Amino acid sequence: MNKVPLTVKGAEKLREELDELKSVVRPRIIASIASAREHGDLKENAEYHAAREQQSFAEGRIAEIEAKLSNAQIIDVTKLDANGKVVFGATVEIEDTESEKKVTYQIVGEDEANIKEGRISIGSPIARALIGKEVEDIVTVKAPGGNVEYEIISIKYI
């Protein structure tokens, strides 16, 4: 399997979620199953079936996070020597050359992306256009409504 890029913060969040699932959620579900078993006939026990479904979901998520972390290439952008270029993990302020609207994005891994929080996936059209560029470069992004040109205002490695 290929290595998946992940920022230090993204890996930290996944580890926190994994810890929560293993130390809090899993024991709570086990207690729910034990409690439901005490109520008798398991075939018609909705509580038992709901708890088993929760257990299945939680165990699946635990396996998924463990797989992601084992295949992760954790990149600390603060320690990279990027020579002023846009790289994975960089925070980039760009300006639409037409509307002069400014927006700031951090380029992150697929699992970390959240447009509302200003984090875009490395695989997104904007991120692909920005990678390798420098401040004051103009990039053209193919958007559904046509091509959009952005000027890179600043690049931060935070």
Protein backbone atom coordinates (compact mmCIF):
# COMPACT_ATOMS: atom_id res chain seq x y z
CA MET A 1 0.00 0.00 0.00
CA ASN A 2 1.23 3.52 -0.76
CA LYS A 3 2.25 5.90 1.98
CA VAL A 4 -0.44 8.50 2.68
CA PRO A 5 0.75 12.02 3.55
CA LEU A 6 -0.48 13.31 6.89
CA THR A 7 0.37 16.44 8.83
CA VAL A 8 1.57 16.20 12.42
CA LYS A 9 -1.77 17.67 13.63
CA GLY A 10 -3.74 15.22 11.48
CA ALA A 11 -1.84 12.25 12.90
CA GLU A 12 -2.37 13.60 16.41
CA LYS A 13 -6.13 13.87 15.85
CA LEU A 14 -6.29 10.30 14.53
CA ARG A 15 -4.32 9.03 17.55
CA GLU A 16 -6.69 10.89 19.90
CA GLU A 17 -9.73 9.39 18.19
CA LEU A 18 -8.15 5.92 18.36
CA ASP A 19 -7.42 6.35 22.07
CA GLU A 20 -11.00 7.53 22.69
CA LEU A 21 -12.43 4.54 20.80
CA LYS A 22 -10.23 2.03 22.63
CA SER A 23 -10.40 3.46 26.16
CA VAL A 24 -13.91 4.95 26.34
CA VAL A 25 -16.20 3.79 23.54
CA ARG A 26 -15.18 0.11 23.41
CA PRO A 27 -15.62 -0.49 27.20
CA ARG A 28 -18.98 1.36 27.16
CA ILE A 29 -20.23 -0.85 24.31
CA ILE A 30 -19.03 -4.01 26.06
CA ALA A 31 -20.96 -2.94 29.18
CA SER A 32 -24.07 -2.28 27.04
CA ILE A 33 -23.84 -5.75 25.50
CA ALA A 34 -23.43 -7.36 28.93
CA SER A 35 -26.42 -5.40 30.25
CA ALA A 36 -28.56 -6.35 27.25
CA ARG A 37 -27.64 -10.03 27.65
CA GLU A 38 -29.03 -9.98 31.17
CA HIS A 39 -32.46 -9.16 29.76
CA GLY A 40 -32.85 -12.64 28.33
CA ASP A 41 -33.74 -13.78 24.79
CA LEU A 42 -31.17 -12.26 22.43
CA LYS A 43 -33.18 -12.88 19.24
CA GLU A 44 -35.78 -10.27 20.12
CA ASN A 45 -33.59 -7.97 22.18
CA ALA A 46 -33.29 -4.64 20.32
CA GLU A 47 -30.85 -3.26 22.91
CA TYR A 48 -28.48 -6.16 22.29
CA HIS A 49 -28.65 -5.79 18.50
CA ALA A 50 -28.08 -2.02 18.71
CA ALA A 51 -25.07 -2.53 20.99
CA ARG A 52 -23.63 -5.17 18.64
CA GLU A 53 -24.08 -2.77 15.71
CA GLN A 54 -22.27 -0.03 17.64
CA GLN A 55 -19.52 -2.50 18.45
CA SER A 56 -19.17 -3.43 14.79
CA PHE A 57 -18.93 0.25 13.78
CA ALA A 58 -16.40 1.06 16.53
CA GLU A 59 -14.18 -1.94 15.73
CA GLY A 60 -14.29 -1.06 12.03
CA ARG A 61 -13.25 2.52 12.77
CA ILE A 62 -10.44 1.31 15.06
CA ALA A 63 -9.12 -0.93 12.28
CA GLU A 64 -9.44 1.90 9.75
CA ILE A 65 -7.51 4.39 11.91
CA GLU A 66 -4.80 1.84 12.73
CA ALA A 67 -4.38 1.12 9.01
CA LYS A 68 -4.20 4.83 8.17
CA LEU A 69 -1.59 5.47 10.86
CA SER A 70 0.50 2.48 9.81
CA ASN A 71 0.51 3.69 6.19
CA ALA A 72 0.98 7.36 7.05
CA GLN A 73 3.95 9.44 6.04
CA ILE A 74 3.83 12.11 8.73
CA ILE A 75 5.18 15.39 7.41
CA ASP A 76 6.17 18.21 9.75
CA VAL A 77 6.01 21.29 7.52
CA THR A 78 7.85 23.40 10.13
CA LYS A 79 10.96 21.28 9.59
CA LEU A 80 10.88 21.24 5.78
CA ASP A 81 13.25 23.30 3.68
CA ALA A 82 10.76 24.33 1.00
CA ASN A 83 12.72 27.31 -0.39
CA GLY A 84 9.61 29.50 -0.45
CA LYS A 85 7.58 27.04 -2.53
CA VAL A 86 4.13 25.66 -1.81
CA VAL A 87 4.48 22.14 -0.39
CA PHE A 88 2.28 19.67 1.47
CA GLY A 89 1.32 21.17 4.82
CA ALA A 90 1.94 24.78 3.78
CA THR A 91 -0.64 27.46 4.52
CA VAL A 92 -1.20 29.55 1.41
CA GLU A 93 -3.06 32.84 1.04
CA ILE A 94 -4.34 33.31 -2.50
CA GLU A 95 -6.32 36.04 -4.23
CA ASP A 96 -8.76 35.60 -7.09
CA THR A 97 -7.31 37.88 -9.80
CA GLU A 98 -10.77 38.78 -11.07
CA SER A 99 -12.80 39.37 -7.90
CA GLU A 100 -9.77 40.20 -5.70
CA LYS A 101 -11.28 37.93 -3.02
CA LYS A 102 -8.59 36.53 -0.70
CA VAL A 103 -8.73 33.12 0.90
CA THR A 104 -6.28 31.08 2.97
CA TYR A 105 -5.88 27.31 2.72
CA GLN A 106 -3.64 24.73 4.34
CA ILE A 107 -2.79 21.81 2.06
CA VAL A 108 -3.36 18.57 3.97
CA GLY A 109 -4.02 14.84 3.47
CA GLU A 110 -7.34 13.45 2.25
CA ASP A 111 -8.53 12.53 5.76
CA GLU A 112 -7.74 15.94 7.23
CA ALA A 113 -9.44 18.08 4.59
CA ASN A 114 -12.23 20.36 5.84
CA ILE A 115 -13.04 23.33 3.62
CA LYS A 116 -14.92 25.11 6.43
CA GLU A 117 -11.70 25.10 8.48
CA GLY A 118 -9.57 26.16 5.49
CA ARG A 119 -7.89 22.79 4.98
CA ILE A 120 -7.91 21.42 1.43
CA SER A 121 -6.85 17.99 0.25
CA ILE A 122 -3.55 17.52 -1.56
CA GLY A 123 -5.63 15.92 -4.33
CA SER A 124 -7.93 18.91 -4.85
CA PRO A 125 -7.60 20.95 -8.07
CA ILE A 126 -6.52 24.09 -6.16
CA ALA A 127 -3.84 22.25 -4.17
CA ARG A 128 -2.51 20.50 -7.28
CA ALA A 129 -2.24 23.87 -9.05
CA LEU A 130 -0.46 25.48 -6.08
CA ILE A 131 2.15 22.80 -5.34
CA GLY A 132 5.63 23.93 -6.33
CA LYS A 133 4.66 27.56 -6.92
CA GLU A 134 6.03 30.65 -5.15
CA VAL A 135 4.71 33.99 -3.85
CA GLU A 136 3.41 36.25 -6.66
CA ASP A 137 2.99 33.30 -9.05
CA ILE A 138 -0.33 33.16 -10.92
CA VAL A 139 -2.00 29.74 -10.98
CA THR A 140 -4.92 28.64 -13.11
CA VAL A 141 -7.42 26.26 -11.51
CA LYS A 142 -9.89 24.33 -13.63
CA ALA A 143 -13.21 24.83 -11.84
CA PRO A 144 -16.68 23.60 -12.85
CA GLY A 145 -17.60 27.15 -13.88
CA GLY A 146 -14.46 27.58 -15.99
CA ASN A 147 -10.84 28.46 -15.29
CA VAL A 148 -10.08 30.67 -12.29
CA GLU A 149 -6.79 32.48 -11.83
CA TYR A 150 -5.28 33.03 -8.39
CA GLU A 151 -2.21 34.96 -7.31
CA ILE A 152 -0.22 33.57 -4.39
CA ILE A 153 -0.05 36.29 -1.73
CA SER A 154 1.83 34.46 1.02
CA ILE A 155 3.12 31.02 2.01
CA LYS A 156 3.55 29.99 5.66
CA TYR A 157 4.99 26.80 7.10
CA ILE A 158 3.15 26.55 10.42
